[in-house]
Amino acid sequence: MRYLFLSLSAMVCFGLVSCTKYDTSLTQRQMFATIKRNSADSGITWNANPNLVTAKIPFARSVRFEGSEFGTNPTHVNIFINNYTGVGIYPLFQGSAQQTDSNSAIVTYISRDFHTIKGSVQVLLDDKDLYIGIYQFTAVNLNDTITINYGAFTINK
């Protein structure tokens, strides 16, 4: 009986220790932000469809984080980081998110493309399973400006 108790105790402890590492099958892909158009706008909370959240490596030493939703306010966020080195803060500059020489973002918001003026993305975790990060930036389309705040993503590799 004593050996049975010790065996069960050991299995329970092993189970608790093995659960401290997150299980990527339980981690839902997500990307969200608050989008505010012009200074008079109160802003909307944007959530990408989990099936439309991806990370791609279009060029060597670069990564692109993308998310889309096609509901009431169809929106696509595309953040491009050039010379990606893992966890860290990457300033976003004016650009189209198609360039290979700078970090940039483009937001397609209600069928209009807004290109980064300034902002940043911070990658908080980059391991064999996940990218986790936060972002914020301002983008323009002619005389129209949007601000992306409180942005975050969790993306399975």
N, C-alpha and C. Protein backbone atom coordinates (compact mmCIF):
# COMPACT_ATOMS: atom_id res chain seq x y z
N MET A 1 0.82 -1.19 0.00
CA MET A 1 0.00 0.00 0.00
C MET A 1 0.87 1.25 0.00
N ARG A 2 1.94 1.19 0.79
CA ARG A 2 2.85 2.34 0.86
C ARG A 2 3.45 2.64 -0.51
N TYR A 3 3.83 1.58 -1.24
CA TYR A 3 4.42 1.76 -2.58
C TYR A 3 3.38 2.30 -3.57
N LEU A 4 2.16 1.86 -3.42
CA LEU A 4 1.08 2.37 -4.27
C LEU A 4 0.88 3.86 -4.03
N PHE A 5 0.86 4.28 -2.77
CA PHE A 5 0.71 5.70 -2.44
C PHE A 5 1.87 6.52 -2.98
N LEU A 6 3.09 6.01 -2.82
CA LEU A 6 4.27 6.71 -3.34
C LEU A 6 4.23 6.81 -4.86
N SER A 7 3.80 5.75 -5.53
CA SER A 7 3.71 5.75 -7.00
C SER A 7 2.67 6.76 -7.47
N LEU A 8 1.51 6.76 -6.83
CA LEU A 8 0.46 7.72 -7.21
C LEU A 8 0.91 9.15 -6.94
N SER A 9 1.58 9.39 -5.83
CA SER A 9 2.10 10.73 -5.51
C SER A 9 3.10 11.19 -6.56
N ALA A 10 3.99 10.28 -6.97
CA ALA A 10 4.98 10.62 -7.98
C ALA A 10 4.32 10.95 -9.31
N MET A 11 3.28 10.20 -9.69
CA MET A 11 2.59 10.47 -10.97
C MET A 11 1.87 11.81 -10.93
N VAL A 12 1.26 12.14 -9.79
CA VAL A 12 0.57 13.42 -9.67
C VAL A 12 1.57 14.57 -9.76
N CYS A 13 2.70 14.45 -9.07
CA CYS A 13 3.72 15.50 -9.13
C CYS A 13 4.27 15.65 -10.55
N PHE A 14 4.52 14.53 -11.22
CA PHE A 14 5.02 14.58 -12.60
C PHE A 14 4.01 15.27 -13.50
N GLY A 15 2.71 14.94 -13.30
CA GLY A 15 1.66 15.57 -14.10
C GLY A 15 1.59 17.06 -13.89
N LEU A 16 1.74 17.52 -12.64
CA LEU A 16 1.71 18.95 -12.36
C LEU A 16 2.90 19.66 -12.97
N VAL A 17 4.08 19.07 -12.89
CA VAL A 17 5.27 19.69 -13.46
C VAL A 17 5.17 19.75 -14.98
N SER A 18 4.66 18.69 -15.61
CA SER A 18 4.58 18.69 -17.07
C SER A 18 3.55 19.68 -17.59
N CYS A 19 2.58 20.09 -16.77
CA CYS A 19 1.56 21.05 -17.20
C CYS A 19 2.01 22.49 -17.09
N THR A 20 3.17 22.75 -16.50
CA THR A 20 3.60 24.14 -16.38
C THR A 20 3.97 24.74 -17.72
N LYS A 21 4.36 23.93 -18.70
CA LYS A 21 4.63 24.41 -20.06
C LYS A 21 3.29 24.50 -20.77
N TYR A 22 3.02 25.61 -21.45
CA TYR A 22 1.74 25.77 -22.12
C TYR A 22 1.58 24.73 -23.23
N ASP A 23 0.37 24.39 -23.49
CA ASP A 23 0.04 23.43 -24.53
C ASP A 23 -0.41 24.21 -25.75
N THR A 24 0.38 24.17 -26.82
CA THR A 24 0.06 24.99 -28.00
C THR A 24 -1.24 24.56 -28.67
N SER A 25 -1.67 23.34 -28.45
CA SER A 25 -2.95 22.94 -29.05
C SER A 25 -4.11 23.66 -28.37
N LEU A 26 -3.89 24.19 -27.16
CA LEU A 26 -4.92 24.94 -26.46
C LEU A 26 -4.80 26.44 -26.67
N THR A 27 -3.73 26.87 -27.32
CA THR A 27 -3.50 28.29 -27.54
C THR A 27 -4.17 28.70 -28.85
N GLN A 28 -5.16 29.54 -28.75
CA GLN A 28 -5.88 29.97 -29.94
C GLN A 28 -5.13 31.09 -30.63
N ARG A 29 -5.03 31.00 -31.94
CA ARG A 29 -4.43 32.10 -32.69
C ARG A 29 -5.36 33.30 -32.56
N GLN A 30 -4.77 34.45 -32.28
CA GLN A 30 -5.59 35.65 -32.14
C GLN A 30 -4.77 36.89 -32.49
N MET A 31 -5.48 37.90 -32.92
CA MET A 31 -4.89 39.21 -33.19
C MET A 31 -6.00 40.22 -32.98
N PHE A 32 -5.73 41.23 -32.18
CA PHE A 32 -6.77 42.23 -31.91
C PHE A 32 -6.14 43.59 -31.67
N ALA A 33 -6.99 44.63 -31.67
CA ALA A 33 -6.53 46.00 -31.45
C ALA A 33 -7.74 46.90 -31.29
N THR A 34 -7.48 48.15 -30.91
CA THR A 34 -8.49 49.19 -30.95
C THR A 34 -8.13 50.08 -32.13
N ILE A 35 -9.09 50.29 -33.02
CA ILE A 35 -8.87 51.12 -34.21
C ILE A 35 -9.69 52.40 -34.06
N LYS A 36 -8.99 53.52 -34.11
CA LYS A 36 -9.64 54.82 -33.97
C LYS A 36 -9.37 55.61 -35.24
N ARG A 37 -10.43 56.05 -35.90
CA ARG A 37 -10.31 56.80 -37.14
C ARG A 37 -10.54 58.27 -36.85
N ASN A 38 -9.55 59.10 -37.11
CA ASN A 38 -9.59 60.54 -36.84
C ASN A 38 -9.81 60.80 -35.35
N SER A 39 -9.67 62.03 -34.93
CA SER A 39 -9.73 62.35 -33.51
C SER A 39 -11.15 62.31 -32.95
N ALA A 40 -12.17 62.43 -33.79
CA ALA A 40 -13.55 62.46 -33.31
C ALA A 40 -14.11 61.05 -33.07
N ASP A 41 -13.44 60.04 -33.55
CA ASP A 41 -13.93 58.67 -33.46
C ASP A 41 -13.68 58.12 -32.06
N SER A 42 -14.65 57.38 -31.52
CA SER A 42 -14.47 56.75 -30.21
C SER A 42 -13.70 55.44 -30.33
N GLY A 43 -13.55 54.92 -31.51
CA GLY A 43 -12.77 53.70 -31.73
C GLY A 43 -13.61 52.44 -31.68
N ILE A 44 -13.15 51.42 -32.38
CA ILE A 44 -13.80 50.12 -32.36
C ILE A 44 -12.78 49.08 -31.88
N THR A 45 -13.29 48.03 -31.30
CA THR A 45 -12.44 46.91 -30.94
C THR A 45 -12.45 45.93 -32.10
N TRP A 46 -11.27 45.65 -32.62
CA TRP A 46 -11.12 44.77 -33.77
C TRP A 46 -10.55 43.43 -33.31
N ASN A 47 -11.16 42.35 -33.75
CA ASN A 47 -10.68 41.00 -33.48
C ASN A 47 -10.61 40.25 -34.79
N ALA A 48 -9.44 39.74 -35.12
CA ALA A 48 -9.30 38.96 -36.34
C ALA A 48 -9.95 37.60 -36.16
N ASN A 49 -10.40 37.04 -37.26
CA ASN A 49 -10.88 35.67 -37.27
C ASN A 49 -9.68 34.77 -36.98
N PRO A 50 -9.72 33.91 -35.95
CA PRO A 50 -8.56 33.07 -35.63
C PRO A 50 -8.03 32.26 -36.80
N ASN A 51 -8.91 31.86 -37.71
CA ASN A 51 -8.48 31.10 -38.89
C ASN A 51 -7.71 31.96 -39.89
N LEU A 52 -7.78 33.29 -39.72
CA LEU A 52 -7.12 34.21 -40.65
C LEU A 52 -5.96 34.96 -39.99
N VAL A 53 -5.39 34.38 -38.96
CA VAL A 53 -4.21 34.95 -38.28
C VAL A 53 -3.01 34.08 -38.64
N THR A 54 -1.98 34.70 -39.22
CA THR A 54 -0.82 33.93 -39.66
C THR A 54 0.48 34.68 -39.41
N ALA A 55 1.55 33.93 -39.43
CA ALA A 55 2.90 34.48 -39.45
C ALA A 55 3.59 33.85 -40.65
N LYS A 56 4.25 34.67 -41.44
CA LYS A 56 4.93 34.19 -42.64
C LYS A 56 6.36 34.71 -42.63
N ILE A 57 7.24 34.00 -43.28
CA ILE A 57 8.61 34.45 -43.47
C ILE A 57 8.80 34.64 -44.97
N PRO A 58 8.49 35.86 -45.46
CA PRO A 58 8.55 36.08 -46.91
C PRO A 58 9.97 36.20 -47.45
N PHE A 59 10.91 36.65 -46.62
CA PHE A 59 12.31 36.81 -47.02
C PHE A 59 13.18 36.30 -45.89
N ALA A 60 14.43 36.02 -46.18
CA ALA A 60 15.35 35.62 -45.13
C ALA A 60 15.45 36.74 -44.09
N ARG A 61 15.41 36.38 -42.82
CA ARG A 61 15.52 37.33 -41.71
C ARG A 61 14.38 38.36 -41.69
N SER A 62 13.19 37.96 -42.08
CA SER A 62 12.02 38.84 -41.98
C SER A 62 10.83 38.00 -41.51
N VAL A 63 9.83 38.67 -40.98
CA VAL A 63 8.59 37.99 -40.60
C VAL A 63 7.42 38.95 -40.82
N ARG A 64 6.29 38.37 -41.17
CA ARG A 64 5.08 39.16 -41.41
C ARG A 64 3.96 38.57 -40.56
N PHE A 65 3.36 39.42 -39.71
CA PHE A 65 2.23 39.02 -38.87
C PHE A 65 0.97 39.60 -39.50
N GLU A 66 -0.02 38.73 -39.75
CA GLU A 66 -1.24 39.18 -40.42
C GLU A 66 -2.48 38.65 -39.74
N GLY A 67 -3.54 39.45 -39.79
CA GLY A 67 -4.84 39.03 -39.30
C GLY A 67 -5.94 39.74 -40.07
N SER A 68 -7.06 39.04 -40.29
CA SER A 68 -8.17 39.61 -41.05
C SER A 68 -9.51 39.26 -40.41
N GLU A 69 -10.47 40.11 -40.62
CA GLU A 69 -11.88 39.81 -40.31
C GLU A 69 -12.73 40.53 -41.34
N PHE A 70 -13.82 39.87 -41.72
CA PHE A 70 -14.65 40.41 -42.79
C PHE A 70 -16.07 40.64 -42.34
N GLY A 71 -16.26 41.07 -41.09
CA GLY A 71 -17.59 41.33 -40.55
C GLY A 71 -18.08 42.72 -40.91
N THR A 72 -18.58 43.45 -39.91
CA THR A 72 -19.16 44.77 -40.11
C THR A 72 -18.17 45.77 -40.67
N ASN A 73 -16.96 45.79 -40.12
CA ASN A 73 -15.90 46.70 -40.59
C ASN A 73 -14.74 45.85 -41.13
N PRO A 74 -14.81 45.38 -42.37
CA PRO A 74 -13.76 44.51 -42.90
C PRO A 74 -12.38 45.14 -42.72
N THR A 75 -11.49 44.39 -42.08
CA THR A 75 -10.18 44.93 -41.74
C THR A 75 -9.11 43.84 -41.89
N HIS A 76 -7.96 44.25 -42.42
CA HIS A 76 -6.79 43.37 -42.54
C HIS A 76 -5.58 44.14 -42.02
N VAL A 77 -4.86 43.55 -41.05
CA VAL A 77 -3.65 44.16 -40.50
C VAL A 77 -2.47 43.31 -40.95
N ASN A 78 -1.44 43.97 -41.51
CA ASN A 78 -0.26 43.32 -42.04
C ASN A 78 0.96 44.06 -41.50
N ILE A 79 1.71 43.43 -40.59
CA ILE A 79 2.89 44.04 -39.98
C ILE A 79 4.12 43.30 -40.49
N PHE A 80 5.04 44.03 -41.11
CA PHE A 80 6.25 43.45 -41.69
C PHE A 80 7.48 43.90 -40.91
N ILE A 81 8.28 42.93 -40.46
CA ILE A 81 9.53 43.24 -39.76
C ILE A 81 10.69 42.71 -40.60
N ASN A 82 11.57 43.61 -40.97
CA ASN A 82 12.77 43.26 -41.72
C ASN A 82 13.91 43.07 -40.73
N ASN A 83 14.87 42.25 -41.05
CA ASN A 83 16.01 41.96 -40.16
C ASN A 83 15.53 41.50 -38.79
N TYR A 84 14.59 40.57 -38.82
CA TYR A 84 14.00 40.03 -37.59
C TYR A 84 15.05 39.20 -36.83
N THR A 85 15.17 39.47 -35.52
CA THR A 85 16.15 38.76 -34.70
C THR A 85 15.52 38.10 -33.48
N GLY A 86 14.20 38.05 -33.41
CA GLY A 86 13.54 37.41 -32.27
C GLY A 86 12.93 38.42 -31.32
N VAL A 87 12.86 38.06 -30.06
CA VAL A 87 12.24 38.90 -29.03
C VAL A 87 12.89 40.28 -29.02
N GLY A 88 12.05 41.32 -29.00
CA GLY A 88 12.56 42.69 -28.97
C GLY A 88 11.53 43.67 -29.49
N ILE A 89 11.92 44.94 -29.48
CA ILE A 89 11.06 46.02 -29.97
C ILE A 89 11.54 46.44 -31.35
N TYR A 90 10.59 46.53 -32.29
CA TYR A 90 10.89 46.92 -33.67
C TYR A 90 10.09 48.16 -34.01
N PRO A 91 10.76 49.29 -34.25
CA PRO A 91 10.03 50.49 -34.67
C PRO A 91 9.43 50.29 -36.06
N LEU A 92 8.23 50.81 -36.24
CA LEU A 92 7.57 50.77 -37.56
C LEU A 92 7.70 52.13 -38.20
N PHE A 93 8.09 52.14 -39.46
CA PHE A 93 8.31 53.39 -40.18
C PHE A 93 7.30 53.52 -41.31
N GLN A 94 7.35 54.65 -41.97
CA GLN A 94 6.49 54.86 -43.12
C GLN A 94 6.84 53.83 -44.18
N GLY A 95 5.83 53.18 -44.68
CA GLY A 95 6.08 52.16 -45.69
C GLY A 95 4.81 51.44 -46.06
N SER A 96 4.97 50.40 -46.85
CA SER A 96 3.81 49.72 -47.41
C SER A 96 3.65 48.29 -46.91
N ALA A 97 4.51 47.81 -46.05
CA ALA A 97 4.54 46.42 -45.59
C ALA A 97 4.86 45.47 -46.74
N GLN A 98 5.30 45.99 -47.83
CA GLN A 98 5.74 45.16 -48.96
C GLN A 98 7.23 45.35 -49.21
N GLN A 99 7.80 46.32 -48.54
CA GLN A 99 9.21 46.63 -48.75
C GLN A 99 10.09 45.65 -48.01
N THR A 100 11.31 45.50 -48.44
CA THR A 100 12.25 44.62 -47.75
C THR A 100 13.33 45.42 -47.02
N ASP A 101 13.22 46.74 -47.00
CA ASP A 101 14.27 47.56 -46.40
C ASP A 101 13.85 48.26 -45.12
N SER A 102 12.64 48.06 -44.64
CA SER A 102 12.22 48.71 -43.39
C SER A 102 11.10 47.92 -42.73
N ASN A 103 10.86 48.21 -41.47
CA ASN A 103 9.73 47.64 -40.74
C ASN A 103 8.54 48.55 -41.01
N SER A 104 7.41 47.97 -41.35
CA SER A 104 6.26 48.80 -41.69
C SER A 104 4.98 48.01 -41.48
N ALA A 105 3.86 48.69 -41.61
CA ALA A 105 2.55 48.05 -41.49
C ALA A 105 1.60 48.68 -42.48
N ILE A 106 0.62 47.90 -42.86
CA ILE A 106 -0.47 48.41 -43.68
C ILE A 106 -1.77 47.85 -43.11
N VAL A 107 -2.78 48.69 -43.05
CA VAL A 107 -4.09 48.28 -42.58
C VAL A 107 -5.07 48.53 -43.70
N THR A 108 -5.81 47.52 -44.09
CA THR A 108 -6.91 47.71 -45.02
C THR A 108 -8.16 47.78 -44.17
N TYR A 109 -8.73 48.97 -44.09
CA TYR A 109 -9.87 49.24 -43.21
C TYR A 109 -11.01 49.75 -44.06
N ILE A 110 -12.08 49.01 -44.12
CA ILE A 110 -13.25 49.33 -44.93
C ILE A 110 -12.82 49.66 -46.37
N SER A 111 -12.07 48.75 -46.95
CA SER A 111 -11.63 48.80 -48.37
C SER A 111 -10.64 49.91 -48.69
N ARG A 112 -10.00 50.52 -47.69
CA ARG A 112 -8.99 51.55 -47.94
C ARG A 112 -7.70 51.15 -47.27
N ASP A 113 -6.58 51.33 -47.97
CA ASP A 113 -5.27 51.01 -47.41
C ASP A 113 -4.69 52.20 -46.66
N PHE A 114 -4.28 51.97 -45.43
CA PHE A 114 -3.62 52.97 -44.59
C PHE A 114 -2.20 52.48 -44.35
N HIS A 115 -1.22 53.33 -44.62
CA HIS A 115 0.19 52.97 -44.48
C HIS A 115 0.79 53.61 -43.24
N THR A 116 1.67 52.86 -42.58
CA THR A 116 2.32 53.31 -41.35
C THR A 116 2.97 54.67 -41.49
N ILE A 117 2.81 55.51 -40.48
CA ILE A 117 3.63 56.71 -40.32
C ILE A 117 4.67 56.42 -39.25
N LYS A 118 4.19 55.96 -38.09
CA LYS A 118 5.11 55.64 -37.00
C LYS A 118 4.42 54.68 -36.05
N GLY A 119 5.22 53.99 -35.26
CA GLY A 119 4.70 53.05 -34.28
C GLY A 119 5.74 52.00 -33.94
N SER A 120 5.28 50.91 -33.34
CA SER A 120 6.21 49.84 -32.99
C SER A 120 5.46 48.53 -32.78
N VAL A 121 6.22 47.46 -32.90
CA VAL A 121 5.75 46.13 -32.55
C VAL A 121 6.79 45.54 -31.60
N GLN A 122 6.32 44.92 -30.54
CA GLN A 122 7.23 44.28 -29.59
C GLN A 122 6.91 42.79 -29.56
N VAL A 123 7.89 41.98 -29.91
CA VAL A 123 7.74 40.53 -29.83
C VAL A 123 8.16 40.13 -28.42
N LEU A 124 7.21 39.58 -27.67
CA LEU A 124 7.45 39.20 -26.28
C LEU A 124 7.92 37.77 -26.13
N LEU A 125 7.49 36.90 -27.06
CA LEU A 125 7.87 35.50 -27.02
C LEU A 125 8.03 35.00 -28.45
N ASP A 126 9.12 34.30 -28.68
CA ASP A 126 9.36 33.63 -29.95
C ASP A 126 10.06 32.33 -29.60
N ASP A 127 9.27 31.26 -29.52
CA ASP A 127 9.86 29.96 -29.25
C ASP A 127 9.50 29.02 -30.39
N LYS A 128 9.70 27.73 -30.20
CA LYS A 128 9.47 26.80 -31.30
C LYS A 128 8.00 26.67 -31.67
N ASP A 129 7.10 27.15 -30.79
CA ASP A 129 5.67 26.99 -31.02
C ASP A 129 4.92 28.27 -31.34
N LEU A 130 5.33 29.39 -30.74
CA LEU A 130 4.50 30.60 -30.77
C LEU A 130 5.29 31.88 -31.01
N TYR A 131 4.57 32.85 -31.59
CA TYR A 131 4.95 34.26 -31.53
C TYR A 131 3.90 34.93 -30.66
N ILE A 132 4.32 35.73 -29.69
CA ILE A 132 3.39 36.54 -28.91
C ILE A 132 3.95 37.95 -28.90
N GLY A 133 3.09 38.95 -29.17
CA GLY A 133 3.58 40.31 -29.20
C GLY A 133 2.48 41.34 -29.04
N ILE A 134 2.91 42.59 -28.95
CA ILE A 134 2.00 43.73 -28.86
C ILE A 134 2.42 44.76 -29.90
N TYR A 135 1.49 45.62 -30.31
CA TYR A 135 1.80 46.62 -31.32
C TYR A 135 0.89 47.83 -31.19
N GLN A 136 1.38 48.95 -31.73
CA GLN A 136 0.61 50.19 -31.83
C GLN A 136 1.23 51.02 -32.94
N PHE A 137 0.40 51.71 -33.70
CA PHE A 137 0.93 52.59 -34.74
C PHE A 137 -0.13 53.53 -35.26
N THR A 138 0.32 54.54 -35.97
CA THR A 138 -0.55 55.48 -36.67
C THR A 138 -0.33 55.29 -38.16
N ALA A 139 -1.42 55.32 -38.92
CA ALA A 139 -1.33 55.11 -40.37
C ALA A 139 -2.21 56.11 -41.09
N VAL A 140 -1.87 56.40 -42.34
CA VAL A 140 -2.61 57.41 -43.11
C VAL A 140 -3.01 56.89 -44.48
N ASN A 141 -4.06 57.56 -45.01
CA ASN A 141 -4.50 57.40 -46.38
C ASN A 141 -4.97 58.79 -46.81
N LEU A 142 -4.14 59.48 -47.59
CA LEU A 142 -4.39 60.86 -47.99
C LEU A 142 -4.60 61.72 -46.74
N ASN A 143 -5.80 62.28 -46.56
CA ASN A 143 -6.06 63.14 -45.40
C ASN A 143 -6.75 62.40 -44.25
N ASP A 144 -6.83 61.10 -44.34
CA ASP A 144 -7.50 60.29 -43.34
C ASP A 144 -6.45 59.55 -42.49
N THR A 145 -6.61 59.56 -41.18
CA THR A 145 -5.65 58.94 -40.27
C THR A 145 -6.37 57.95 -39.37
N ILE A 146 -5.73 56.81 -39.12
CA ILE A 146 -6.23 55.88 -38.12
C ILE A 146 -5.12 55.60 -37.11
N THR A 147 -5.53 55.31 -35.90
CA THR A 147 -4.60 54.96 -34.84
C THR A 147 -4.95 53.56 -34.35
N ILE A 148 -3.96 52.72 -34.28
CA ILE A 148 -4.11 51.35 -33.78
C ILE A 148 -3.47 51.32 -32.40
N ASN A 149 -4.26 51.04 -31.38
CA ASN A 149 -3.77 50.95 -30.01
C ASN A 149 -4.12 49.60 -29.41
N TYR A 150 -3.44 49.25 -28.35
CA TYR A 150 -3.71 48.05 -27.58
C TYR A 150 -3.73 46.80 -28.46
N GLY A 151 -2.90 46.79 -29.50
CA GLY A 151 -2.83 45.64 -30.38
C GLY A 151 -2.01 44.52 -29.77
N ALA A 152 -2.45 43.29 -30.00
CA ALA A 152 -1.71 42.13 -29.51
C ALA A 152 -1.96 40.95 -30.43
N PHE A 153 -1.04 40.00 -30.41
CA PHE A 153 -1.20 38.78 -31.20
C PHE A 153 -0.59 37.59 -30.49
N THR A 154 -1.18 36.44 -30.74
CA THR A 154 -0.64 35.13 -30.38
C THR A 154 -0.79 34.29 -31.63
N ILE A 155 0.33 33.84 -32.18
CA ILE A 155 0.30 33.13 -33.46
C ILE A 155 1.10 31.85 -33.35
N ASN A 156 0.45 30.72 -33.65
CA ASN A 156 1.15 29.44 -33.69
C ASN A 156 2.07 29.41 -34.90
N LYS A 157 3.23 28.81 -34.71
CA LYS A 157 4.15 28.66 -35.85
C LYS A 157 3.75 27.44 -36.67
